[in-house]
Amino acid sequence: MTVVETDRIDMADSSDKRTLDMMFEWLEPAPEGFKVEIVEGIIYMSPQRRTHWRIILDIIEQLRARYPRERLLSDVRIDFPGLLNGFASDVVALTEGATEDADGQCHYQDIEFVAEVISKSTAANEYGSKKATYATAGVPVYLIVDPYTGTWHLHTLPKEEYRSVLSLDFGTPVDLTSTVVGLTLETADFPRD
């Protein structure tokens, strides 16, 4: 009888990671030119737009002044705390010495910086669920770039939420010198949509 109970417990014990893995497997391969994320158990597919990509590339190129190539990611799945959160953030900068798990996935605890470029179809996630998840996960610097309004929103000092928020227009540099990132991002060339 003990063996049967153990079997039942093992069968009933499913982690969010296994469930996220199954959900992502169902979605592979993703249609070309689309980004796939799971936010609070809901699957989102959004097309990669030229404006979106140009901003992402601009941010990555500027971050290269401080971060080696292997510590920068774009659209790579990282699992976050909370119910079924598998994000493929637009830009991620990892800490020095960041490691991967047995499946080759990065750990959210190794993230120093995240940037999300708003898409109309997923804007509510970046400003809502994802922002809350990044704060809960302790991501030190979260930058939202909105090509529709021509503004950027810098979130720092995470606790249960971000305690510091600064929002300014494209053309105004994002001063990250007092954060772990330690540099300034120029935004004058960010395109608008």
C-alpha atoms as a PDB file:
ATOM      1  CA  MET A   1       0.000   0.000   0.000  1.00  0.00           C
ATOM      2  CA  THR A   2       2.825   2.405   0.691  1.00  0.00           C
ATOM      3  CA  VAL A   3       4.149   1.882  -2.837  1.00  0.00           C
ATOM      4  CA  VAL A   4       0.770   2.731  -4.322  1.00  0.00           C
ATOM      5  CA  GLU A   5       0.504   5.907  -2.248  1.00  0.00           C
ATOM      6  CA  THR A   6       3.999   6.931  -3.264  1.00  0.00           C
ATOM      7  CA  ASP A   7       3.131   6.322  -6.910  1.00  0.00           C
ATOM      8  CA  ARG A   8       0.043   8.455  -6.555  1.00  0.00           C
ATOM      9  CA  ILE A   9       1.973  11.246  -4.919  1.00  0.00           C
ATOM     10  CA  ASP A  10       4.671  11.126  -7.615  1.00  0.00           C
ATOM     11  CA  MET A  11       2.060  11.190 -10.368  1.00  0.00           C
ATOM     12  CA  ALA A  12       0.204  14.095  -8.805  1.00  0.00           C
ATOM     13  CA  ASP A  13       3.406  16.049  -8.177  1.00  0.00           C
ATOM     14  CA  SER A  14       3.864  18.207 -11.263  1.00  0.00           C
ATOM     15  CA  SER A  15       5.951  21.375 -11.199  1.00  0.00           C
ATOM     16  CA  ASP A  16       5.326  24.563 -13.121  1.00  0.00           C
ATOM     17  CA  LYS A  17       8.589  23.930 -14.992  1.00  0.00           C
ATOM     18  CA  ARG A  18       7.364  20.603 -16.344  1.00  0.00           C
ATOM     19  CA  THR A  19       4.065  22.168 -17.310  1.00  0.00           C
ATOM     20  CA  LEU A  20       5.833  25.113 -18.962  1.00  0.00           C
ATOM     21  CA  ASP A  21       8.101  22.673 -20.809  1.00  0.00           C
ATOM     22  CA  MET A  22       5.053  20.805 -22.109  1.00  0.00           C
ATOM     23  CA  MET A  23       3.328  24.020 -23.191  1.00  0.00           C
ATOM     24  CA  PHE A  24       6.418  25.246 -25.051  1.00  0.00           C
ATOM     25  CA  GLU A  25       6.813  21.825 -26.706  1.00  0.00           C
ATOM     26  CA  TRP A  26       3.257  22.083 -28.047  1.00  0.00           C
ATOM     27  CA  LEU A  27       4.160  25.405 -29.628  1.00  0.00           C
ATOM     28  CA  GLU A  28       7.343  24.252 -31.370  1.00  0.00           C
ATOM     29  CA  PRO A  29       8.280  25.191 -33.892  1.00  0.00           C
ATOM     30  CA  ALA A  30       6.899  28.700 -33.513  1.00  0.00           C
ATOM     31  CA  PRO A  31       5.929  30.414 -36.752  1.00  0.00           C
ATOM     32  CA  GLU A  32       8.863  32.293 -38.247  1.00  0.00           C
ATOM     33  CA  GLY A  33       8.982  35.919 -37.173  1.00  0.00           C
ATOM     34  CA  PHE A  34       6.870  35.351 -34.048  1.00  0.00           C
ATOM     35  CA  LYS A  35       7.861  35.520 -30.402  1.00  0.00           C
ATOM     36  CA  VAL A  36       6.178  33.073 -28.012  1.00  0.00           C
ATOM     37  CA  GLU A  37       5.794  33.657 -24.264  1.00  0.00           C
ATOM     38  CA  ILE A  38       3.675  32.236 -21.489  1.00  0.00           C
ATOM     39  CA  VAL A  39       2.553  34.827 -18.953  1.00  0.00           C
ATOM     40  CA  GLU A  40       0.553  33.555 -15.982  1.00  0.00           C
ATOM     41  CA  GLY A  41      -0.336  30.424 -17.959  1.00  0.00           C
ATOM     42  CA  ILE A  42      -1.606  32.322 -21.025  1.00  0.00           C
ATOM     43  CA  ILE A  43       0.194  31.821 -24.336  1.00  0.00           C
ATOM     44  CA  TYR A  44       1.098  34.941 -26.310  1.00  0.00           C
ATOM     45  CA  MET A  45       2.416  34.984 -29.867  1.00  0.00           C
ATOM     46  CA  SER A  46       3.400  38.325 -31.256  1.00  0.00           C
ATOM     47  CA  PRO A  47       5.009  39.204 -34.567  1.00  0.00           C
ATOM     48  CA  GLN A  48       8.432  40.776 -34.523  1.00  0.00           C
ATOM     49  CA  ARG A  49       8.139  44.243 -36.075  1.00  0.00           C
ATOM     50  CA  ARG A  50      11.015  46.139 -37.686  1.00  0.00           C
ATOM     51  CA  THR A  51      10.728  49.096 -35.278  1.00  0.00           C
ATOM     52  CA  HIS A  52      10.668  46.690 -32.345  1.00  0.00           C
ATOM     53  CA  TRP A  53      13.788  44.871 -33.556  1.00  0.00           C
ATOM     54  CA  ARG A  54      15.718  48.094 -34.302  1.00  0.00           C
ATOM     55  CA  ILE A  55      15.215  49.280 -30.698  1.00  0.00           C
ATOM     56  CA  ILE A  56      16.210  45.883 -29.288  1.00  0.00           C
ATOM     57  CA  LEU A  57      19.364  45.859 -31.407  1.00  0.00           C
ATOM     58  CA  ASP A  58      20.212  49.443 -30.414  1.00  0.00           C
ATOM     59  CA  ILE A  59      19.926  48.546 -26.707  1.00  0.00           C
ATOM     60  CA  ILE A  60      22.045  45.407 -27.137  1.00  0.00           C
ATOM     61  CA  GLU A  61      24.729  47.310 -29.064  1.00  0.00           C
ATOM     62  CA  GLN A  62      24.920  49.918 -26.297  1.00  0.00           C
ATOM     63  CA  LEU A  63      25.041  47.269 -23.559  1.00  0.00           C
ATOM     64  CA  ARG A  64      28.032  45.672 -25.318  1.00  0.00           C
ATOM     65  CA  ALA A  65      30.158  48.493 -23.850  1.00  0.00           C
ATOM     66  CA  ARG A  66      29.803  46.718 -20.496  1.00  0.00           C
ATOM     67  CA  TYR A  67      28.547  43.203 -21.176  1.00  0.00           C
ATOM     68  CA  PRO A  68      30.283  40.499 -23.210  1.00  0.00           C
ATOM     69  CA  ARG A  69      28.145  38.854 -25.889  1.00  0.00           C
ATOM     70  CA  GLU A  70      27.564  35.666 -23.818  1.00  0.00           C
ATOM     71  CA  ARG A  71      25.898  37.684 -21.034  1.00  0.00           C
ATOM     72  CA  LEU A  72      23.299  39.276 -23.336  1.00  0.00           C
ATOM     73  CA  LEU A  73      20.135  37.522 -24.481  1.00  0.00           C
ATOM     74  CA  SER A  74      17.162  38.374 -26.659  1.00  0.00           C
ATOM     75  CA  ASP A  75      13.956  36.342 -26.949  1.00  0.00           C
ATOM     76  CA  VAL A  76      15.400  33.439 -24.937  1.00  0.00           C
ATOM     77  CA  ARG A  77      13.060  31.625 -22.561  1.00  0.00           C
ATOM     78  CA  ILE A  78      13.658  32.150 -18.860  1.00  0.00           C
ATOM     79  CA  ASP A  79      11.227  30.810 -16.255  1.00  0.00           C
ATOM     80  CA  PHE A  80      10.165  33.214 -13.512  1.00  0.00           C
ATOM     81  CA  PRO A  81       8.389  32.777 -10.174  1.00  0.00           C
ATOM     82  CA  GLY A  82       4.619  32.736 -10.107  1.00  0.00           C
ATOM     83  CA  LEU A  83       2.115  30.574 -11.917  1.00  0.00           C
ATOM     84  CA  LEU A  84       3.424  29.445 -15.326  1.00  0.00           C
ATOM     85  CA  ASN A  85       5.712  32.327 -16.275  1.00  0.00           C
ATOM     86  CA  GLY A  86       8.049  31.494 -19.160  1.00  0.00           C
ATOM     87  CA  PHE A  87       9.204  34.828 -20.593  1.00  0.00           C
ATOM     88  CA  ALA A  88      11.286  35.498 -23.702  1.00  0.00           C
ATOM     89  CA  SER A  89      12.317  39.020 -22.761  1.00  0.00           C
ATOM     90  CA  ASP A  90      13.414  41.395 -25.512  1.00  0.00           C
ATOM     91  CA  VAL A  91      16.789  42.122 -23.864  1.00  0.00           C
ATOM     92  CA  VAL A  92      18.386  40.491 -20.829  1.00  0.00           C
ATOM     93  CA  ALA A  93      21.789  41.231 -19.299  1.00  0.00           C
ATOM     94  CA  LEU A  94      23.145  38.551 -16.970  1.00  0.00           C
ATOM     95  CA  THR A  95      25.479  38.819 -14.000  1.00  0.00           C
ATOM     96  CA  GLU A  96      29.106  37.799 -14.283  1.00  0.00           C
ATOM     97  CA  GLY A  97      29.348  34.081 -13.507  1.00  0.00           C
ATOM     98  CA  ALA A  98      25.735  33.378 -14.508  1.00  0.00           C
ATOM     99  CA  THR A  99      25.064  29.657 -14.921  1.00  0.00           C
ATOM    100  CA  GLU A 100      22.541  27.483 -16.729  1.00  0.00           C
ATOM    101  CA  ASP A 101      20.511  24.595 -15.384  1.00  0.00           C
ATOM    102  CA  ALA A 102      20.766  21.011 -16.707  1.00  0.00           C
ATOM    103  CA  ASP A 103      18.399  21.920 -19.575  1.00  0.00           C
ATOM    104  CA  GLY A 104      20.537  24.879 -20.652  1.00  0.00           C
ATOM    105  CA  GLN A 105      18.166  27.501 -19.231  1.00  0.00           C
ATOM    106  CA  CYS A 106      19.365  30.630 -17.468  1.00  0.00           C
ATOM    107  CA  HIS A 107      18.249  31.388 -13.922  1.00  0.00           C
ATOM    108  CA  TYR A 108      16.154  34.479 -13.310  1.00  0.00           C
ATOM    109  CA  GLN A 109      18.291  35.169 -10.218  1.00  0.00           C
ATOM    110  CA  ASP A 110      21.223  35.926 -12.562  1.00  0.00           C
ATOM    111  CA  ILE A 111      19.467  38.804 -14.342  1.00  0.00           C
ATOM    112  CA  GLU A 112      20.734  42.365 -13.836  1.00  0.00           C
ATOM    113  CA  PHE A 113      18.728  44.141 -16.522  1.00  0.00           C
ATOM    114  CA  VAL A 114      15.626  43.529 -18.632  1.00  0.00           C
ATOM    115  CA  ALA A 115      14.270  45.703 -21.427  1.00  0.00           C
ATOM    116  CA  GLU A 116      10.893  45.134 -23.052  1.00  0.00           C
ATOM    117  CA  VAL A 117       9.850  46.983 -26.182  1.00  0.00           C
ATOM    118  CA  ILE A 118       6.085  47.417 -26.256  1.00  0.00           C
ATOM    119  CA  SER A 119       3.952  45.639 -28.831  1.00  0.00           C
ATOM    120  CA  LYS A 120       0.322  46.714 -29.045  1.00  0.00           C
ATOM    121  CA  SER A 121      -0.900  43.148 -28.540  1.00  0.00           C
ATOM    122  CA  THR A 122       1.141  42.509 -25.381  1.00  0.00           C
ATOM    123  CA  ALA A 123       1.558  45.981 -23.823  1.00  0.00           C
ATOM    124  CA  ALA A 124      -0.656  45.072 -20.868  1.00  0.00           C
ATOM    125  CA  ASN A 125       1.816  42.316 -19.954  1.00  0.00           C
ATOM    126  CA  GLU A 126       4.889  44.557 -19.992  1.00  0.00           C
ATOM    127  CA  TYR A 127       3.184  47.260 -17.928  1.00  0.00           C
ATOM    128  CA  GLY A 128       1.342  44.762 -15.686  1.00  0.00           C
ATOM    129  CA  SER A 129       2.028  41.067 -15.089  1.00  0.00           C
ATOM    130  CA  LYS A 130       5.596  41.016 -16.342  1.00  0.00           C
ATOM    131  CA  LYS A 131       6.540  44.176 -14.432  1.00  0.00           C
ATOM    132  CA  ALA A 132       5.126  42.662 -11.240  1.00  0.00           C
ATOM    133  CA  THR A 133       6.921  39.359 -11.874  1.00  0.00           C
ATOM    134  CA  TYR A 134      10.260  41.069 -12.570  1.00  0.00           C
ATOM    135  CA  ALA A 135       9.931  43.036  -9.316  1.00  0.00           C
ATOM    136  CA  THR A 136       9.021  39.910  -7.331  1.00  0.00           C
ATOM    137  CA  ALA A 137      11.996  38.107  -8.907  1.00  0.00           C
ATOM    138  CA  GLY A 138      14.290  40.949  -7.805  1.00  0.00           C
ATOM    139  CA  VAL A 139      15.385  42.058 -11.287  1.00  0.00           C
ATOM    140  CA  PRO A 140      17.335  45.233 -10.372  1.00  0.00           C
ATOM    141  CA  VAL A 141      16.647  47.222 -13.548  1.00  0.00           C
ATOM    142  CA  TYR A 142      13.585  46.940 -15.800  1.00  0.00           C
ATOM    143  CA  LEU A 143      13.227  49.254 -18.790  1.00  0.00           C
ATOM    144  CA  ILE A 144      10.019  49.536 -20.818  1.00  0.00           C
ATOM    145  CA  VAL A 145      10.429  51.195 -24.212  1.00  0.00           C
ATOM    146  CA  ASP A 146       7.229  52.342 -25.911  1.00  0.00           C
ATOM    147  CA  PRO A 147       7.630  53.237 -29.607  1.00  0.00           C
ATOM    148  CA  TYR A 148       3.933  54.196 -29.852  1.00  0.00           C
ATOM    149  CA  THR A 149       4.216  57.024 -27.317  1.00  0.00           C
ATOM    150  CA  GLY A 150       7.937  57.712 -27.834  1.00  0.00           C
ATOM    151  CA  THR A 151       8.628  57.228 -24.127  1.00  0.00           C
ATOM    152  CA  TRP A 152      10.719  54.979 -21.906  1.00  0.00           C
ATOM    153  CA  HIS A 153       9.974  53.915 -18.332  1.00  0.00           C
ATOM    154  CA  LEU A 154      12.798  52.938 -15.981  1.00  0.00           C
ATOM    155  CA  HIS A 155      11.906  50.743 -12.993  1.00  0.00           C
ATOM    156  CA  THR A 156      14.433  50.173 -10.201  1.00  0.00           C
ATOM    157  CA  LEU A 157      14.574  49.252  -6.511  1.00  0.00           C
ATOM    158  CA  PRO A 158      12.480  46.071  -6.666  1.00  0.00           C
ATOM    159  CA  LYS A 159      10.751  44.657  -3.640  1.00  0.00           C
ATOM    160  CA  GLU A 160       7.204  43.378  -4.051  1.00  0.00           C
ATOM    161  CA  GLU A 161       6.961  46.116  -6.681  1.00  0.00           C
ATOM    162  CA  TYR A 162       9.376  48.616  -8.176  1.00  0.00           C
ATOM    163  CA  ARG A 163       9.838  51.518  -5.789  1.00  0.00           C
ATOM    164  CA  SER A 164      11.433  53.895  -8.263  1.00  0.00           C
ATOM    165  CA  VAL A 165       9.966  54.757 -11.665  1.00  0.00           C
ATOM    166  CA  LEU A 166      11.200  57.386 -14.094  1.00  0.00           C
ATOM    167  CA  SER A 167       9.429  58.049 -17.395  1.00  0.00           C
ATOM    168  CA  LEU A 168      10.843  60.331 -20.087  1.00  0.00           C
ATOM    169  CA  ASP A 169      10.697  60.887 -23.852  1.00  0.00           C
ATOM    170  CA  PHE A 170      12.877  59.371 -26.563  1.00  0.00           C
ATOM    171  CA  GLY A 171      15.884  61.622 -26.988  1.00  0.00           C
ATOM    172  CA  THR A 172      16.498  61.752 -23.238  1.00  0.00           C
ATOM    173  CA  PRO A 173      19.271  59.337 -22.202  1.00  0.00           C
ATOM    174  CA  VAL A 174      18.476  56.523 -19.737  1.00  0.00           C
ATOM    175  CA  ASP A 175      20.983  57.092 -16.936  1.00  0.00           C
ATOM    176  CA  LEU A 176      21.849  53.697 -15.466  1.00  0.00           C
ATOM    177  CA  THR A 177      25.168  54.787 -13.958  1.00  0.00           C
ATOM    178  CA  SER A 178      23.855  54.463 -10.399  1.00  0.00           C
ATOM    179  CA  THR A 179      22.551  50.916 -11.044  1.00  0.00           C
ATOM    180  CA  VAL A 180      24.316  47.568 -11.517  1.00  0.00           C
ATOM    181  CA  VAL A 181      24.313  48.271 -15.263  1.00  0.00           C
ATOM    182  CA  GLY A 182      26.641  51.254 -14.809  1.00  0.00           C
ATOM    183  CA  LEU A 183      26.169  53.042 -18.133  1.00  0.00           C
ATOM    184  CA  THR A 184      23.880  55.418 -19.994  1.00  0.00           C
ATOM    185  CA  LEU A 185      21.642  54.334 -22.882  1.00  0.00           C
ATOM    186  CA  GLU A 186      21.085  56.880 -25.641  1.00  0.00           C
ATOM    187  CA  THR A 187      17.514  56.942 -26.982  1.00  0.00           C
ATOM    188  CA  ALA A 188      17.675  59.652 -29.650  1.00  0.00           C
ATOM    189  CA  ASP A 189      17.826  57.067 -32.456  1.00  0.00           C
ATOM    190  CA  PHE A 190      14.984  54.898 -31.146  1.00  0.00           C
ATOM    191  CA  PRO A 191      12.389  54.772 -33.935  1.00  0.00           C
ATOM    192  CA  ARG A 192       8.709  55.451 -33.320  1.00  0.00           C
ATOM    193  CA  ASP A 193       5.829  53.361 -34.548  1.00  0.00           C
END
